[in-house]
C-alpha atoms as a PDB file:
ATOM      1  CA  GLN A   1       0.442 -76.737  54.126  1.00  0.00           C
ATOM      2  CA  ILE A   2       1.222 -75.001  50.913  1.00  0.00           C
ATOM      3  CA  PRO A   3      -1.537 -75.195  48.366  1.00  0.00           C
ATOM      4  CA  GLY A   4      -0.831 -77.751  45.698  1.00  0.00           C
ATOM      5  CA  LYS A   5       1.521 -79.681  47.892  1.00  0.00           C
ATOM      6  CA  ARG A   6       0.474 -83.308  48.263  1.00  0.00           C
ATOM      7  CA  VAL A   7       0.498 -85.008  51.572  1.00  0.00           C
ATOM      8  CA  TRP A   8      -0.234 -88.638  52.203  1.00  0.00           C
ATOM      9  CA  ALA A   9      -2.067 -89.383  55.482  1.00  0.00           C
ATOM     10  CA  VAL A  10      -2.666 -92.718  57.090  1.00  0.00           C
ATOM     11  CA  LEU A  11      -4.925 -92.950  60.062  1.00  0.00           C
ATOM     12  CA  TYR A  12      -4.274 -95.710  62.643  1.00  0.00           C
ATOM     13  CA  ARG A  13      -6.576 -96.755  65.449  1.00  0.00           C
ATOM     14  CA  ASP A  14      -5.371 -97.445  69.063  1.00  0.00           C
ATOM     15  CA  SER A  15      -3.877-100.884  69.476  1.00  0.00           C
ATOM     16  CA  ALA A  16      -1.937-102.885  72.112  1.00  0.00           C
ATOM     17  CA  ARG A  17       1.315-101.883  70.393  1.00  0.00           C
ATOM     18  CA  SER A  18       0.643 -98.171  69.666  1.00  0.00           C
ATOM     19  CA  SER A  19      -1.634 -95.192  70.268  1.00  0.00           C
ATOM     20  CA  ALA A  20      -4.119 -93.862  67.721  1.00  0.00           C
ATOM     21  CA  ARG A  21      -2.239 -91.588  65.337  1.00  0.00           C
ATOM     22  CA  LEU A  22      -2.181 -89.916  61.977  1.00  0.00           C
ATOM     23  CA  GLU A  23       0.982 -90.343  59.963  1.00  0.00           C
ATOM     24  CA  LEU A  24       1.743 -87.633  57.395  1.00  0.00           C
ATOM     25  CA  GLN A  25       4.325 -87.824  54.528  1.00  0.00           C
ATOM     26  CA  GLU A  26       4.821 -85.131  51.904  1.00  0.00           C
ATOM     27  CA  GLY A  27       5.208 -86.260  48.355  1.00  0.00           C
ATOM     28  CA  ALA A  28       3.255 -87.468  45.315  1.00  0.00           C
ATOM     29  CA  GLU A  29       3.756 -91.145  45.979  1.00  0.00           C
ATOM     30  CA  ARG A  30       2.583 -93.441  48.733  1.00  0.00           C
ATOM     31  CA  PRO A  31       5.135 -93.167  51.541  1.00  0.00           C
ATOM     32  CA  ARG A  32       7.247 -95.980  52.902  1.00  0.00           C
ATOM     33  CA  ARG A  33       7.622 -96.309  56.707  1.00  0.00           C
ATOM     34  CA  THR A  34      11.403 -95.822  56.460  1.00  0.00           C
ATOM     35  CA  GLU A  35      11.317 -92.616  54.498  1.00  0.00           C
ATOM     36  CA  PRO A  36      12.635 -89.479  56.294  1.00  0.00           C
ATOM     37  CA  GLY A  37      10.217 -86.548  56.774  1.00  0.00           C
ATOM     38  CA  ARG A  38       7.426 -88.680  58.081  1.00  0.00           C
ATOM     39  CA  ARG A  39       5.405 -86.849  60.776  1.00  0.00           C
ATOM     40  CA  LEU A  40       3.311 -88.453  63.381  1.00  0.00           C
ATOM     41  CA  VAL A  41       0.373 -86.796  65.103  1.00  0.00           C
ATOM     42  CA  ARG A  42      -1.032 -88.534  68.158  1.00  0.00           C
ATOM     43  CA  LEU A  43      -4.761 -88.281  68.113  1.00  0.00           C
ATOM     44  CA  SER A  44      -4.699 -87.717  71.885  1.00  0.00           C
ATOM     45  CA  ASP A  45      -2.944 -84.410  71.137  1.00  0.00           C
ATOM     46  CA  CYS A  46      -5.720 -83.126  68.805  1.00  0.00           C
ATOM     47  CA  VAL A  47      -7.639 -80.179  70.055  1.00  0.00           C
ATOM     48  CA  HIS A  48      -9.761 -79.347  66.993  1.00  0.00           C
ATOM     49  CA  VAL A  49     -10.490 -80.783  63.603  1.00  0.00           C
ATOM     50  CA  ALA A  50     -12.521 -78.975  60.937  1.00  0.00           C
ATOM     51  CA  ARG A  51     -13.171 -78.908  57.228  1.00  0.00           C
ATOM     52  CA  ALA A  52     -11.119 -76.206  55.532  1.00  0.00           C
ATOM     53  CA  GLY A  53     -12.434 -73.916  52.873  1.00  0.00           C
ATOM     54  CA  GLY A  54     -12.613 -75.622  49.471  1.00  0.00           C
ATOM     55  CA  ASP A  55      -9.662 -75.190  47.144  1.00  0.00           C
ATOM     56  CA  ALA A  56      -9.985 -75.626  43.422  1.00  0.00           C
ATOM     57  CA  ALA A  57      -6.487 -77.075  43.383  1.00  0.00           C
ATOM     58  CA  CYS A  58      -7.553 -79.972  45.489  1.00  0.00           C
ATOM     59  CA  PRO A  59      -7.747 -83.324  43.706  1.00  0.00           C
ATOM     60  CA  LYS A  60     -11.290 -84.619  42.943  1.00  0.00           C
ATOM     61  CA  ASP A  61     -12.996 -86.469  45.704  1.00  0.00           C
ATOM     62  CA  THR A  62     -10.749 -85.026  48.455  1.00  0.00           C
ATOM     63  CA  VAL A  63     -11.548 -82.643  51.249  1.00  0.00           C
ATOM     64  CA  PRO A  64      -9.006 -80.288  52.819  1.00  0.00           C
ATOM     65  CA  PHE A  65      -9.164 -80.167  56.620  1.00  0.00           C
ATOM     66  CA  LEU A  66      -7.514 -78.280  59.492  1.00  0.00           C
ATOM     67  CA  LEU A  67      -5.988 -80.220  62.393  1.00  0.00           C
ATOM     68  CA  GLU A  68      -5.040 -78.257  65.539  1.00  0.00           C
ATOM     69  CA  THR A  69      -2.923 -80.062  68.116  1.00  0.00           C
ATOM     70  CA  THR A  70      -1.770 -79.054  71.643  1.00  0.00           C
ATOM     71  CA  GLU A  71       1.676 -78.516  70.213  1.00  0.00           C
ATOM     72  CA  ARG A  72       0.411 -76.215  67.428  1.00  0.00           C
ATOM     73  CA  ARG A  73      -1.796 -74.329  69.833  1.00  0.00           C
ATOM     74  CA  SER A  74       1.095 -73.623  72.209  1.00  0.00           C
ATOM     75  CA  GLU A  75       3.358 -72.610  69.288  1.00  0.00           C
ATOM     76  CA  ALA A  76       0.607 -70.204  68.107  1.00  0.00           C
ATOM     77  CA  ALA A  77       0.227 -68.699  71.632  1.00  0.00           C
ATOM     78  CA  GLU A  78       3.979 -68.160  71.759  1.00  0.00           C
ATOM     79  CA  TRP A  79       4.005 -66.457  68.345  1.00  0.00           C
ATOM     80  CA  ILE A  80       1.057 -64.196  69.356  1.00  0.00           C
ATOM     81  CA  GLN A  81       2.814 -63.248  72.574  1.00  0.00           C
ATOM     82  CA  ARG A  82       6.080 -62.370  70.693  1.00  0.00           C
ATOM     83  CA  LEU A  83       4.204 -60.384  68.044  1.00  0.00           C
ATOM     84  CA  CYS A  84       2.355 -58.351  70.717  1.00  0.00           C
ATOM     85  CA  GLU A  85       5.628 -57.679  72.593  1.00  0.00           C
ATOM     86  CA  LEU A  86       7.177 -56.271  69.382  1.00  0.00           C
ATOM     87  CA  ALA A  87       4.040 -54.554  68.093  1.00  0.00           C
ATOM     88  CA  PHE A  88       3.033 -53.025  71.447  1.00  0.00           C
ATOM     89  CA  PRO A  89       6.224 -52.412  73.493  1.00  0.00           C
ATOM     90  CA  VAL A  90       5.645 -51.727  77.136  1.00  0.00           C
ATOM     91  CA  ARG A  91       7.363 -48.622  78.428  1.00  0.00           C
ATOM     92  CA  GLU A  92      10.265 -49.133  80.940  1.00  0.00           C
ATOM     93  CA  LEU A  93       8.263 -47.530  83.774  1.00  0.00           C
ATOM     94  CA  GLU A  94       5.427 -49.922  83.330  1.00  0.00           C
ATOM     95  CA  LEU A  95       7.838 -52.821  83.463  1.00  0.00           C
ATOM     96  CA  LEU A  96       9.311 -51.520  86.683  1.00  0.00           C
ATOM     97  CA  GLY A  97       5.822 -51.240  88.185  1.00  0.00           C
ATOM     98  CA  GLY A  98       5.589 -47.445  87.919  1.00  0.00           C
ATOM     99  CA  VAL A  99       2.610 -45.575  86.711  1.00  0.00           C
ATOM    100  CA  GLY A 100       2.898 -43.874  83.352  1.00  0.00           C
END
């Protein structure tokens, strides 16, 4: 998230009608269920949760945190792969199996 941007988060436990999830909505006001831009994170997709470094811009009595999901982890892996391909191009001979 961008520092200073407010995000409402509502945590729901597992129930007979839905799975455990975190619902996120950007904005300064409490979200309504029908508003566009609402994002759902299934807790079963969470890989890592940790407290983020403190930010002076955070409202009093709040704690910023990092939430890594399987989706974000795979996106990060794809970005790293693409960056490596562009930053460290493989010579054509190496691609063809030749020694260079």
